[in-house]
Amino acid sequence: MQIIYVKGDFLNTIFPELTNSENAEIISVLVRYYTFGPFKPKVIIENDLVTINIDTPKILSQDSEYRKVVSLCEKGRYDDAKPI
């Protein structure tokens, strides 16, 4: 998934703490906000565009494997869960 913001009023409305912020601070706040578990987004600022790339296919595939492992462990099938 890709999210694109234009630096300015809209971005500052959603993230008011970023008003008059430097690019490094904007990137830091957005990485923290859009991080899902161990998955961190890639945030790029070019001119007035802020682009956030989130690897949703990887997140979804890992999530299904996680649920499978939890289910196996709940059933006491640790040897089956270990390789996953």
PDB file of N, CA and C in Angstrom:
ATOM      1  N   MET A   1       0.847  -1.154   0.000  1.00  0.00           N
ATOM      2  CA  MET A   1       0.000   0.000   0.000  1.00  0.00           C
ATOM      3  C   MET A   1       0.901   1.228   0.000  1.00  0.00           C
ATOM      4  N   GLN A   2       0.457   2.229  -0.709  1.00  0.00           N
ATOM      5  CA  GLN A   2       1.208   3.480  -0.759  1.00  0.00           C
ATOM      6  C   GLN A   2       0.269   4.631  -0.381  1.00  0.00           C
ATOM      7  N   ILE A   3       0.728   5.460   0.537  1.00  0.00           N
ATOM      8  CA  ILE A   3      -0.015   6.634   0.981  1.00  0.00           C
ATOM      9  C   ILE A   3       0.821   7.851   0.624  1.00  0.00           C
ATOM     10  N   ILE A   4       0.189   8.838  -0.005  1.00  0.00           N
ATOM     11  CA  ILE A   4       0.904  10.045  -0.391  1.00  0.00           C
ATOM     12  C   ILE A   4       0.206  11.251   0.217  1.00  0.00           C
ATOM     13  N   TYR A   5       0.970  12.052   0.939  1.00  0.00           N
ATOM     14  CA  TYR A   5       0.490  13.313   1.502  1.00  0.00           C
ATOM     15  C   TYR A   5       1.251  14.453   0.842  1.00  0.00           C
ATOM     16  N   VAL A   6       0.587  15.588   0.729  1.00  0.00           N
ATOM     17  CA  VAL A   6       1.271  16.812   0.346  1.00  0.00           C
ATOM     18  C   VAL A   6       1.593  17.542   1.639  1.00  0.00           C
ATOM     19  N   LYS A   7       2.870  17.928   1.783  1.00  0.00           N
ATOM     20  CA  LYS A   7       3.236  18.673   2.986  1.00  0.00           C
ATOM     21  C   LYS A   7       2.427  19.963   3.003  1.00  0.00           C
ATOM     22  N   GLY A   8       1.817  20.231   4.123  1.00  0.00           N
ATOM     23  CA  GLY A   8       1.021  21.449   4.219  1.00  0.00           C
ATOM     24  C   GLY A   8      -0.150  21.260   5.147  1.00  0.00           C
ATOM     25  N   ASP A   9      -1.225  21.983   4.862  1.00  0.00           N
ATOM     26  CA  ASP A   9      -2.381  22.039   5.759  1.00  0.00           C
ATOM     27  C   ASP A   9      -2.998  20.674   6.050  1.00  0.00           C
ATOM     28  N   PHE A  10      -3.185  19.823   5.016  1.00  0.00           N
ATOM     29  CA  PHE A  10      -3.828  18.535   5.242  1.00  0.00           C
ATOM     30  C   PHE A  10      -2.991  17.647   6.164  1.00  0.00           C
ATOM     31  N   LEU A  11      -1.713  17.552   5.865  1.00  0.00           N
ATOM     32  CA  LEU A  11      -0.817  16.745   6.715  1.00  0.00           C
ATOM     33  C   LEU A  11      -0.797  17.294   8.133  1.00  0.00           C
ATOM     34  N   ASN A  12      -0.777  18.618   8.267  1.00  0.00           N
ATOM     35  CA  ASN A  12      -0.754  19.235   9.594  1.00  0.00           C
ATOM     36  C   ASN A  12      -2.076  19.086  10.328  1.00  0.00           C
ATOM     37  N   THR A  13      -3.176  18.921   9.600  1.00  0.00           N
ATOM     38  CA  THR A  13      -4.469  18.670  10.240  1.00  0.00           C
ATOM     39  C   THR A  13      -4.489  17.267  10.839  1.00  0.00           C
ATOM     40  N   ILE A  14      -3.946  16.294  10.100  1.00  0.00           N
ATOM     41  CA  ILE A  14      -3.918  14.906  10.582  1.00  0.00           C
ATOM     42  C   ILE A  14      -2.872  14.731  11.677  1.00  0.00           C
ATOM     43  N   PHE A  15      -1.722  15.364  11.496  1.00  0.00           N
ATOM     44  CA  PHE A  15      -0.620  15.273  12.450  1.00  0.00           C
ATOM     45  C   PHE A  15      -0.239  16.691  12.899  1.00  0.00           C
ATOM     46  N   PRO A  16      -1.012  17.280  13.808  1.00  0.00           N
ATOM     47  CA  PRO A  16      -0.752  18.673  14.200  1.00  0.00           C
ATOM     48  C   PRO A  16       0.629  18.878  14.833  1.00  0.00           C
ATOM     49  N   GLU A  17       1.213  17.832  15.392  1.00  0.00           N
ATOM     50  CA  GLU A  17       2.533  17.962  15.997  1.00  0.00           C
ATOM     51  C   GLU A  17       3.622  18.190  14.952  1.00  0.00           C
ATOM     52  N   LEU A  18       3.289  18.013  13.662  1.00  0.00           N
ATOM     53  CA  LEU A  18       4.278  18.168  12.603  1.00  0.00           C
ATOM     54  C   LEU A  18       4.309  19.567  11.994  1.00  0.00           C
ATOM     55  N   THR A  19       3.493  20.477  12.486  1.00  0.00           N
ATOM     56  CA  THR A  19       3.479  21.832  11.951  1.00  0.00           C
ATOM     57  C   THR A  19       4.872  22.450  12.077  1.00  0.00           C
ATOM     58  N   ASN A  20       5.379  22.934  10.974  1.00  0.00           N
ATOM     59  CA  ASN A  20       6.706  23.561  10.898  1.00  0.00           C
ATOM     60  C   ASN A  20       7.846  22.614  11.284  1.00  0.00           C
ATOM     61  N   SER A  21       7.690  21.335  11.046  1.00  0.00           N
ATOM     62  CA  SER A  21       8.720  20.353  11.401  1.00  0.00           C
ATOM     63  C   SER A  21       9.693  20.144  10.242  1.00  0.00           C
ATOM     64  N   GLU A  22      10.893  19.708  10.585  1.00  0.00           N
ATOM     65  CA  GLU A  22      11.895  19.344   9.591  1.00  0.00           C
ATOM     66  C   GLU A  22      11.554  17.955   9.029  1.00  0.00           C
ATOM     67  N   ASN A  23      12.111  17.640   7.860  1.00  0.00           N
ATOM     68  CA  ASN A  23      11.830  16.359   7.213  1.00  0.00           C
ATOM     69  C   ASN A  23      12.166  15.158   8.088  1.00  0.00           C
ATOM     70  N   ALA A  24      13.268  15.205   8.805  1.00  0.00           N
ATOM     71  CA  ALA A  24      13.669  14.077   9.652  1.00  0.00           C
ATOM     72  C   ALA A  24      12.619  13.804  10.729  1.00  0.00           C
ATOM     73  N   GLU A  25      12.064  14.845  11.304  1.00  0.00           N
ATOM     74  CA  GLU A  25      11.042  14.668  12.332  1.00  0.00           C
ATOM     75  C   GLU A  25       9.744  14.135  11.731  1.00  0.00           C
ATOM     76  N   ILE A  26       9.386  14.611  10.548  1.00  0.00           N
ATOM     77  CA  ILE A  26       8.190  14.115   9.860  1.00  0.00           C
ATOM     78  C   ILE A  26       8.342  12.626   9.590  1.00  0.00           C
ATOM     79  N   ILE A  27       9.497  12.225   9.073  1.00  0.00           N
ATOM     80  CA  ILE A  27       9.742  10.807   8.789  1.00  0.00           C
ATOM     81  C   ILE A  27       9.656   9.990  10.062  1.00  0.00           C
ATOM     82  N   SER A  28      10.253  10.445  11.126  1.00  0.00           N
ATOM     83  CA  SER A  28      10.244   9.722  12.395  1.00  0.00           C
ATOM     84  C   SER A  28       8.825   9.515  12.920  1.00  0.00           C
ATOM     85  N   VAL A  29       8.017  10.565  12.897  1.00  0.00           N
ATOM     86  CA  VAL A  29       6.637  10.470  13.399  1.00  0.00           C
ATOM     87  C   VAL A  29       5.815   9.526  12.534  1.00  0.00           C
ATOM     88  N   LEU A  30       5.956   9.634  11.210  1.00  0.00           N
ATOM     89  CA  LEU A  30       5.158   8.789  10.316  1.00  0.00           C
ATOM     90  C   LEU A  30       5.589   7.323  10.384  1.00  0.00           C
ATOM     91  N   VAL A  31       6.875   7.067  10.527  1.00  0.00           N
ATOM     92  CA  VAL A  31       7.337   5.679  10.680  1.00  0.00           C
ATOM     93  C   VAL A  31       6.746   5.088  11.953  1.00  0.00           C
ATOM     94  N   ARG A  32       6.787   5.844  13.026  1.00  0.00           N
ATOM     95  CA  ARG A  32       6.216   5.368  14.295  1.00  0.00           C
ATOM     96  C   ARG A  32       4.711   5.117  14.164  1.00  0.00           C
ATOM     97  N   TYR A  33       4.005   6.022  13.499  1.00  0.00           N
ATOM     98  CA  TYR A  33       2.546   5.921  13.387  1.00  0.00           C
ATOM     99  C   TYR A  33       2.126   4.736  12.520  1.00  0.00           C
ATOM    100  N   TYR A  34       2.809   4.519  11.402  1.00  0.00           N
ATOM    101  CA  TYR A  34       2.401   3.486  10.456  1.00  0.00           C
ATOM    102  C   TYR A  34       3.100   2.146  10.673  1.00  0.00           C
ATOM    103  N   THR A  35       3.891   2.005  11.725  1.00  0.00           N
ATOM    104  CA  THR A  35       4.520   0.722  12.028  1.00  0.00           C
ATOM    105  C   THR A  35       3.455  -0.249  12.528  1.00  0.00           C
ATOM    106  N   PHE A  36       3.510  -1.478  11.996  1.00  0.00           N
ATOM    107  CA  PHE A  36       2.560  -2.513  12.390  1.00  0.00           C
ATOM    108  C   PHE A  36       3.374  -3.697  12.884  1.00  0.00           C
ATOM    109  N   GLY A  37       3.387  -3.895  14.201  1.00  0.00           N
ATOM    110  CA  GLY A  37       4.209  -4.963  14.773  1.00  0.00           C
ATOM    111  C   GLY A  37       5.667  -4.706  14.442  1.00  0.00           C
ATOM    112  N   PRO A  38       6.348  -5.703  13.874  1.00  0.00           N
ATOM    113  CA  PRO A  38       7.768  -5.510  13.535  1.00  0.00           C
ATOM    114  C   PRO A  38       7.978  -4.863  12.158  1.00  0.00           C
ATOM    115  N   PHE A  39       6.888  -4.559  11.462  1.00  0.00           N
ATOM    116  CA  PHE A  39       6.979  -4.046  10.097  1.00  0.00           C
ATOM    117  C   PHE A  39       6.956  -2.525  10.084  1.00  0.00           C
ATOM    118  N   LYS A  40       8.067  -1.951   9.624  1.00  0.00           N
ATOM    119  CA  LYS A  40       8.184  -0.497   9.546  1.00  0.00           C
ATOM    120  C   LYS A  40       8.002  -0.053   8.103  1.00  0.00           C
ATOM    121  N   PRO A  41       7.263   1.032   7.884  1.00  0.00           N
ATOM    122  CA  PRO A  41       7.091   1.528   6.517  1.00  0.00           C
ATOM    123  C   PRO A  41       8.327   2.281   6.039  1.00  0.00           C
ATOM    124  N   LYS A  42       8.402   2.468   4.756  1.00  0.00           N
ATOM    125  CA  LYS A  42       9.467   3.291   4.176  1.00  0.00           C
ATOM    126  C   LYS A  42       8.839   4.653   3.854  1.00  0.00           C
ATOM    127  N   VAL A  43       9.389   5.701   4.439  1.00  0.00           N
ATOM    128  CA  VAL A  43       8.860   7.055   4.248  1.00  0.00           C
ATOM    129  C   VAL A  43       9.886   7.873   3.470  1.00  0.00           C
ATOM    130  N   ILE A  44       9.420   8.473   2.366  1.00  0.00           N
ATOM    131  CA  ILE A  44      10.287   9.271   1.516  1.00  0.00           C
ATOM    132  C   ILE A  44       9.656  10.658   1.347  1.00  0.00           C
ATOM    133  N   ILE A  45      10.470  11.687   1.467  1.00  0.00           N
ATOM    134  CA  ILE A  45       9.992  13.051   1.230  1.00  0.00           C
ATOM    135  C   ILE A  45      10.758  13.613   0.044  1.00  0.00           C
ATOM    136  N   GLU A  46      10.006  13.970  -0.994  1.00  0.00           N
ATOM    137  CA  GLU A  46      10.580  14.603  -2.183  1.00  0.00           C
ATOM    138  C   GLU A  46       9.776  15.856  -2.475  1.00  0.00           C
ATOM    139  N   ASN A  47      10.452  16.978  -2.450  1.00  0.00           N
ATOM    140  CA  ASN A  47       9.802  18.280  -2.618  1.00  0.00           C
ATOM    141  C   ASN A  47       8.707  18.424  -1.574  1.00  0.00           C
ATOM    142  N   ASP A  48       7.452  18.546  -1.984  1.00  0.00           N
ATOM    143  CA  ASP A  48       6.352  18.690  -1.028  1.00  0.00           C
ATOM    144  C   ASP A  48       5.528  17.413  -0.885  1.00  0.00           C
ATOM    145  N   LEU A  49       6.004  16.301  -1.439  1.00  0.00           N
ATOM    146  CA  LEU A  49       5.266  15.042  -1.345  1.00  0.00           C
ATOM    147  C   LEU A  49       5.896  14.119  -0.305  1.00  0.00           C
ATOM    148  N   VAL A  50       5.049  13.582   0.545  1.00  0.00           N
ATOM    149  CA  VAL A  50       5.471  12.600   1.544  1.00  0.00           C
ATOM    150  C   VAL A  50       4.858  11.270   1.120  1.00  0.00           C
ATOM    151  N   THR A  51       5.704  10.290   0.802  1.00  0.00           N
ATOM    152  CA  THR A  51       5.241   8.992   0.341  1.00  0.00           C
ATOM    153  C   THR A  51       5.562   7.945   1.405  1.00  0.00           C
ATOM    154  N   ILE A  52       4.533   7.176   1.752  1.00  0.00           N
ATOM    155  CA  ILE A  52       4.676   6.114   2.754  1.00  0.00           C
ATOM    156  C   ILE A  52       4.389   4.793   2.059  1.00  0.00           C
ATOM    157  N   ASN A  53       5.371   3.901   2.050  1.00  0.00           N
ATOM    158  CA  ASN A  53       5.212   2.581   1.445  1.00  0.00           C
ATOM    159  C   ASN A  53       5.117   1.535   2.549  1.00  0.00           C
ATOM    160  N   ILE A  54       3.996   0.806   2.548  1.00  0.00           N
ATOM    161  CA  ILE A  54       3.755  -0.241   3.541  1.00  0.00           C
ATOM    162  C   ILE A  54       3.661  -1.566   2.793  1.00  0.00           C
ATOM    163  N   ASP A  55       4.455  -2.540   3.213  1.00  0.00           N
ATOM    164  CA  ASP A  55       4.487  -3.841   2.552  1.00  0.00           C
ATOM    165  C   ASP A  55       3.340  -4.712   3.068  1.00  0.00           C
ATOM    166  N   THR A  56       2.115  -4.410   2.630  1.00  0.00           N
ATOM    167  CA  THR A  56       0.940  -5.141   3.123  1.00  0.00           C
ATOM    168  C   THR A  56       0.930  -6.617   2.748  1.00  0.00           C
ATOM    169  N   PRO A  57       1.386  -7.019   1.541  1.00  0.00           N
ATOM    170  CA  PRO A  57       1.400  -8.465   1.271  1.00  0.00           C
ATOM    171  C   PRO A  57       2.256  -9.244   2.272  1.00  0.00           C
ATOM    172  N   LYS A  58       3.392  -8.683   2.633  1.00  0.00           N
ATOM    173  CA  LYS A  58       4.263  -9.360   3.604  1.00  0.00           C
ATOM    174  C   LYS A  58       3.592  -9.408   4.969  1.00  0.00           C
ATOM    175  N   ILE A  59       2.957  -8.317   5.360  1.00  0.00           N
ATOM    176  CA  ILE A  59       2.258  -8.282   6.653  1.00  0.00           C
ATOM    177  C   ILE A  59       1.157  -9.330   6.679  1.00  0.00           C
ATOM    178  N   LEU A  60       0.362  -9.409   5.601  1.00  0.00           N
ATOM    179  CA  LEU A  60      -0.739 -10.364   5.561  1.00  0.00           C
ATOM    180  C   LEU A  60      -0.244 -11.800   5.579  1.00  0.00           C
ATOM    181  N   SER A  61       0.835 -12.079   4.856  1.00  0.00           N
ATOM    182  CA  SER A  61       1.345 -13.454   4.841  1.00  0.00           C
ATOM    183  C   SER A  61       1.898 -13.831   6.212  1.00  0.00           C
ATOM    184  N   GLN A  62       2.598 -12.910   6.846  1.00  0.00           N
ATOM    185  CA  GLN A  62       3.146 -13.179   8.172  1.00  0.00           C
ATOM    186  C   GLN A  62       2.025 -13.333   9.201  1.00  0.00           C
ATOM    187  N   ASP A  63       0.967 -12.564   9.047  1.00  0.00           N
ATOM    188  CA  ASP A  63      -0.146 -12.632   9.994  1.00  0.00           C
ATOM    189  C   ASP A  63      -0.821 -14.000   9.948  1.00  0.00           C
ATOM    190  N   SER A  64      -1.029 -14.531   8.736  1.00  0.00           N
ATOM    191  CA  SER A  64      -1.671 -15.844   8.639  1.00  0.00           C
ATOM    192  C   SER A  64      -0.773 -16.929   9.237  1.00  0.00           C
ATOM    193  N   GLU A  65       0.547 -16.827   9.023  1.00  0.00           N
ATOM    194  CA  GLU A  65       1.467 -17.800   9.619  1.00  0.00           C
ATOM    195  C   GLU A  65       1.467 -17.685  11.138  1.00  0.00           C
ATOM    196  N   TYR A  66       1.419 -16.461  11.627  1.00  0.00           N
ATOM    197  CA  TYR A  66       1.378 -16.231  13.076  1.00  0.00           C
ATOM    198  C   TYR A  66       0.135 -16.891  13.677  1.00  0.00           C
ATOM    199  N   ARG A  67      -1.005 -16.676  13.056  1.00  0.00           N
ATOM    200  CA  ARG A  67      -2.252 -17.272  13.563  1.00  0.00           C
ATOM    201  C   ARG A  67      -2.186 -18.798  13.541  1.00  0.00           C
ATOM    202  N   LYS A  68      -1.561 -19.345  12.503  1.00  0.00           N
ATOM    203  CA  LYS A  68      -1.427 -20.791  12.399  1.00  0.00           C
ATOM    204  C   LYS A  68      -0.561 -21.330  13.530  1.00  0.00           C
ATOM    205  N   VAL A  69       0.554 -20.648  13.807  1.00  0.00           N
ATOM    206  CA  VAL A  69       1.451 -21.074  14.884  1.00  0.00           C
ATOM    207  C   VAL A  69       0.740 -20.994  16.235  1.00  0.00           C
ATOM    208  N   VAL A  70       0.021 -19.921  16.473  1.00  0.00           N
ATOM    209  CA  VAL A  70      -0.707 -19.771  17.739  1.00  0.00           C
ATOM    210  C   VAL A  70      -1.734 -20.894  17.890  1.00  0.00           C
ATOM    211  N   SER A  71      -2.450 -21.172  16.820  1.00  0.00           N
ATOM    212  CA  SER A  71      -3.457 -22.235  16.854  1.00  0.00           C
ATOM    213  C   SER A  71      -2.821 -23.590  17.173  1.00  0.00           C
ATOM    214  N   LEU A  72      -1.689 -23.891  16.529  1.00  0.00           N
ATOM    215  CA  LEU A  72      -1.003 -25.155  16.801  1.00  0.00           C
ATOM    216  C   LEU A  72      -0.533 -25.228  18.248  1.00  0.00           C
ATOM    217  N   CYS A  73       0.012 -24.131  18.762  1.00  0.00           N
ATOM    218  CA  CYS A  73       0.496 -24.104  20.143  1.00  0.00           C
ATOM    219  C   CYS A  73      -0.649 -24.274  21.133  1.00  0.00           C
ATOM    220  N   GLU A  74      -1.782 -23.659  20.823  1.00  0.00           N
ATOM    221  CA  GLU A  74      -2.938 -23.805  21.713  1.00  0.00           C
ATOM    222  C   GLU A  74      -3.411 -25.250  21.781  1.00  0.00           C
ATOM    223  N   LYS A  75      -3.170 -26.006  20.730  1.00  0.00           N
ATOM    224  CA  LYS A  75      -3.552 -27.417  20.697  1.00  0.00           C
ATOM    225  C   LYS A  75      -2.445 -28.323  21.229  1.00  0.00           C
ATOM    226  N   GLY A  76      -1.319 -27.706  21.660  1.00  0.00           N
ATOM    227  CA  GLY A  76      -0.216 -28.472  22.210  1.00  0.00           C
ATOM    228  C   GLY A  76       0.668 -29.107  21.144  1.00  0.00           C
ATOM    229  N   ARG A  77       0.549 -28.703  19.903  1.00  0.00           N
ATOM    230  CA  ARG A  77       1.309 -29.281  18.790  1.00  0.00           C
ATOM    231  C   ARG A  77       2.565 -28.420  18.532  1.00  0.00           C
ATOM    232  N   TYR A  78       3.422 -28.346  19.525  1.00  0.00           N
ATOM    233  CA  TYR A  78       4.613 -27.497  19.468  1.00  0.00           C
ATOM    234  C   TYR A  78       5.595 -27.938  18.385  1.00  0.00           C
ATOM    235  N   ASP A  79       5.741 -29.252  18.189  1.00  0.00           N
ATOM    236  CA  ASP A  79       6.676 -29.744  17.171  1.00  0.00           C
ATOM    237  C   ASP A  79       6.244 -29.316  15.764  1.00  0.00           C
ATOM    238  N   ASP A  80       4.927 -29.232  15.549  1.00  0.00           N
ATOM    239  CA  ASP A  80       4.411 -28.778  14.241  1.00  0.00           C
ATOM    240  C   ASP A  80       4.581 -27.258  14.083  1.00  0.00           C
ATOM    241  N   ALA A  81       4.489 -26.537  15.185  1.00  0.00           N
ATOM    242  CA  ALA A  81       4.571 -25.074  15.146  1.00  0.00           C
ATOM    243  C   ALA A  81       6.019 -24.582  15.007  1.00  0.00           C
ATOM    244  N   LYS A  82       6.967 -25.347  15.548  1.00  0.00           N
ATOM    245  CA  LYS A  82       8.363 -24.910  15.572  1.00  0.00           C
ATOM    246  C   LYS A  82       8.935 -24.525  14.202  1.00  0.00           C
ATOM    247  N   PRO A  83       8.779 -25.340  13.162  1.00  0.00           N
ATOM    248  CA  PRO A  83       9.382 -24.983  11.876  1.00  0.00           C
ATOM    249  C   PRO A  83       8.781 -23.715  11.242  1.00  0.00           C
ATOM    250  N   ILE A  84       7.549 -23.440  11.561  1.00  0.00           N
ATOM    251  CA  ILE A  84       6.878 -22.265  10.977  1.00  0.00           C
ATOM    252  C   ILE A  84       7.436 -21.019  11.596  1.00  0.00           C
TER     253      ILE A  84
END
